Protein backbone atom coordinates (compact mmCIF):
# COMPACT_ATOMS: atom_id res chain seq x y z
CA UNK A 1 272.13 -53.30 -3.00
CA UNK A 2 274.63 -50.56 -2.22
CA UNK A 3 277.99 -51.73 0.07
CA UNK A 4 280.06 -48.24 1.02
CA UNK A 5 282.95 -48.42 3.18
CA UNK A 6 283.00 -45.60 5.82
CA UNK A 7 286.23 -44.60 7.91
CA UNK A 8 285.19 -42.13 10.35
CA UNK A 9 286.66 -40.25 13.95
CA UNK A 10 284.67 -40.25 16.94
CA UNK A 11 285.97 -37.70 20.23
CA UNK A 12 284.99 -37.08 24.24
CA UNK A 13 282.87 -34.67 25.41
CA UNK A 14 282.81 -36.32 28.77
CA UNK A 15 284.97 -39.70 30.26
CA UNK A 16 283.36 -43.00 29.27
CA UNK A 17 283.43 -44.90 32.44
CA UNK A 18 283.92 -48.61 31.83
CA UNK A 19 281.54 -51.55 33.70
CA UNK A 20 282.72 -55.07 31.67
CA UNK A 21 281.50 -57.91 33.41
CA UNK A 22 284.34 -59.54 35.32
CA UNK A 23 283.15 -62.40 37.54
CA UNK A 24 284.82 -61.59 40.81
CA UNK A 25 282.85 -60.95 44.09
CA UNK A 26 284.48 -58.57 45.97
CA UNK A 27 284.62 -59.35 49.65
CA UNK A 28 285.05 -55.67 50.57
CA UNK A 29 286.24 -52.07 50.16
CA UNK A 30 289.75 -53.05 49.47
CA UNK A 31 289.23 -55.49 47.08
CA UNK A 32 286.37 -54.07 44.65
CA UNK A 33 289.61 -51.09 44.38
CA UNK A 34 291.96 -52.85 43.35
CA UNK A 35 289.31 -55.26 41.21
CA UNK A 36 288.22 -52.18 39.35
CA UNK A 37 290.54 -52.53 37.13
CA UNK A 38 289.19 -56.42 35.63
CA UNK A 39 285.93 -54.19 34.32
CA UNK A 40 288.14 -52.02 31.33
CA UNK A 41 287.80 -53.47 27.75
CA UNK A 42 291.47 -54.61 26.27
CA UNK A 43 292.87 -56.21 23.27
CA UNK A 44 294.85 -58.75 22.83
CA UNK A 45 298.12 -57.01 23.70
CA UNK A 46 296.84 -54.97 26.69
CA UNK A 47 295.51 -52.09 25.31
CA UNK A 48 292.38 -49.84 26.71
CA UNK A 49 290.09 -50.08 23.78
CA UNK A 50 285.58 -49.85 23.34
CA UNK A 51 283.63 -52.83 21.70
CA UNK A 52 282.90 -52.00 18.59
CA UNK A 53 279.22 -54.00 19.24
CA UNK A 54 278.60 -51.03 22.33
CA UNK A 55 278.93 -48.12 19.51
CA UNK A 56 276.68 -50.06 17.54
CA UNK A 57 273.82 -50.42 19.91
CA UNK A 58 274.64 -46.66 19.99
CA UNK A 59 274.12 -45.94 16.21
CA UNK A 60 271.30 -48.28 16.54
CA UNK A 61 269.53 -46.70 19.01
CA UNK A 62 269.39 -43.37 17.72
CA UNK A 63 268.63 -44.42 14.23
CA UNK A 64 265.34 -45.59 15.90
CA UNK A 65 264.59 -41.86 16.09
CA UNK A 66 265.54 -40.85 12.85
CA UNK A 67 262.58 -39.63 10.76
CA UNK A 68 258.98 -40.69 10.47
CA UNK A 69 258.50 -42.69 13.93
CA UNK A 70 256.41 -45.79 12.32
CA UNK A 71 259.38 -46.08 10.43
CA UNK A 72 261.27 -46.76 13.76
CA UNK A 73 261.80 -50.72 13.86
CA UNK A 74 263.15 -50.77 10.37
CA UNK A 75 265.25 -48.23 11.00
CA UNK A 76 267.22 -49.95 13.53
CA UNK A 77 266.53 -52.96 11.83
CA UNK A 78 268.36 -51.75 8.89
CA UNK A 79 271.17 -50.44 11.32
CA UNK A 80 271.91 -53.93 12.92
CA UNK A 81 271.70 -56.15 9.29
CA UNK A 82 274.22 -53.46 7.55
CA UNK A 83 276.22 -51.75 9.75
CA UNK A 84 279.91 -53.64 10.35
CA UNK A 85 282.50 -52.85 11.97
CA UNK A 86 286.10 -53.93 11.00
CA UNK A 87 286.94 -54.39 14.32
CA UNK A 88 285.83 -56.36 17.11
CA UNK A 89 287.62 -53.71 19.17
CA UNK A 90 288.54 -49.98 18.81
CA UNK A 91 291.05 -48.57 20.74
CA UNK A 92 290.62 -45.94 23.10
CA UNK A 93 293.46 -42.58 21.33
CA UNK A 94 295.55 -42.08 23.13
CA UNK A 95 296.32 -45.79 23.73
CA UNK A 96 297.06 -46.49 27.29
CA UNK A 97 296.56 -49.98 29.35
CA UNK A 98 296.06 -48.33 33.08
CA UNK A 99 292.74 -45.73 33.07
CA UNK A 100 292.75 -41.92 34.54
CA UNK A 101 291.29 -43.14 37.67
CA UNK A 102 288.14 -45.00 38.90
CA UNK A 103 285.22 -43.56 39.79
CA UNK A 104 283.48 -44.38 43.40
CA UNK A 105 279.40 -45.00 43.33
CA UNK A 106 276.62 -46.90 45.94
CA UNK A 107 275.66 -49.65 44.29
CA UNK A 108 272.93 -51.87 45.28
CA UNK A 109 273.22 -56.10 45.35
CA UNK A 110 270.13 -58.34 46.27
CA UNK A 111 270.97 -62.13 47.66
CA UNK A 112 267.53 -63.77 47.90
CA UNK A 113 265.41 -61.34 49.28
CA UNK A 114 267.71 -59.65 50.88
CA UNK A 115 270.09 -55.64 49.13
CA UNK A 116 272.63 -54.58 50.21
CA UNK A 117 274.48 -51.34 49.28
CA UNK A 118 277.61 -51.23 48.50
CA UNK A 119 280.10 -48.97 47.19
CA UNK A 120 281.33 -50.03 43.74
CA UNK A 121 284.20 -48.72 41.44
CA UNK A 122 284.36 -48.21 37.72
CA UNK A 123 287.57 -47.17 36.16
CA UNK A 124 287.09 -44.13 33.26
CA UNK A 125 289.37 -42.35 30.63
CA UNK A 126 288.47 -38.66 30.47
CA UNK A 127 289.69 -37.91 27.26
CA UNK A 128 289.72 -39.91 24.67
CA UNK A 129 289.21 -40.55 20.73
CA UNK A 130 288.49 -43.72 18.58
CA UNK A 131 289.22 -43.62 14.94
CA UNK A 132 287.06 -47.03 12.83
CA UNK A 133 285.95 -48.38 9.81
CA UNK A 134 282.87 -49.42 8.90
CA UNK A 135 281.12 -51.23 5.65
CA UNK A 136 277.45 -50.23 5.09
CA UNK A 137 274.87 -52.88 3.44
CA UNK A 138 272.55 -50.79 2.20
CA UNK A 139 272.69 -47.42 4.73
CA UNK A 140 273.71 -44.19 3.08
CA UNK A 141 276.54 -42.67 4.81
CA UNK A 142 274.43 -39.15 5.66
CA UNK A 143 271.95 -41.70 7.20
CA UNK A 144 275.35 -42.93 9.71
CA UNK A 145 276.11 -39.45 9.99
CA UNK A 146 272.80 -38.17 11.38
CA UNK A 147 272.63 -41.65 14.07
CA UNK A 148 275.97 -40.64 14.95
CA UNK A 149 275.61 -37.48 15.80
CA UNK A 150 272.21 -38.06 17.50
CA UNK A 151 274.26 -41.54 19.38
CA UNK A 152 276.81 -39.52 20.79
CA UNK A 153 274.69 -36.49 22.09
CA UNK A 154 271.56 -38.83 23.32
CA UNK A 155 272.75 -42.64 24.09
CA UNK A 156 276.48 -42.44 24.74
CA UNK A 157 278.21 -45.46 25.45
CA UNK A 158 279.56 -47.98 28.24
CA UNK A 159 278.71 -47.52 31.05
CA UNK A 160 276.11 -44.22 32.89
CA UNK A 161 275.09 -43.35 29.09
CA UNK A 162 273.93 -39.87 28.51
CA UNK A 163 275.67 -38.30 31.89
CA UNK A 164 279.25 -40.19 30.67
CA UNK A 165 281.14 -41.60 27.02
CA UNK A 166 278.61 -38.72 25.21
CA UNK A 167 281.09 -37.54 21.97
CA UNK A 168 280.31 -35.95 19.05
CA UNK A 169 281.47 -36.76 15.15
CA UNK A 170 284.51 -35.53 13.92
CA UNK A 171 285.48 -37.10 10.46
CA UNK A 172 282.94 -39.07 8.50
CA UNK A 173 284.15 -40.10 5.06
CA UNK A 174 283.83 -42.45 2.03
CA UNK A 175 286.92 -44.83 1.46
């Protein structure tokens, strides 16, 4: 089994919306605006980051669409079993502790049989970059390149994909 260490960089082509579950129930519009900050993914130092699990999920979806349709499940499983990021959270560059703004949207909430529509808020970053390293087991760097490029175009990251969170691969190298 071939083991390969890679380093790659991604750059945004669309803003990214965050929607981490915080468990906070907003009672009114002002509280919702104030609590939007809790939907960010933060590392222990309080810097905005993106979970590597989000990136891996996007790459896994893209991998199933490369090549023959009958082998899509095998490729998804190969990414799940063979792609491991060095860090649980990938810091969004440039490093920030505050989002660029909040995005308002109408969301539906259901309590029993009653459905209400309220304004929800999500924090976002306009321009962002990611730089990370990963280990590949029984995957080639060329296959991963194809999967990342398709993931950035078709599957993106975090909320409201693919309209938000789209990216391009700017560099991939074997280290």
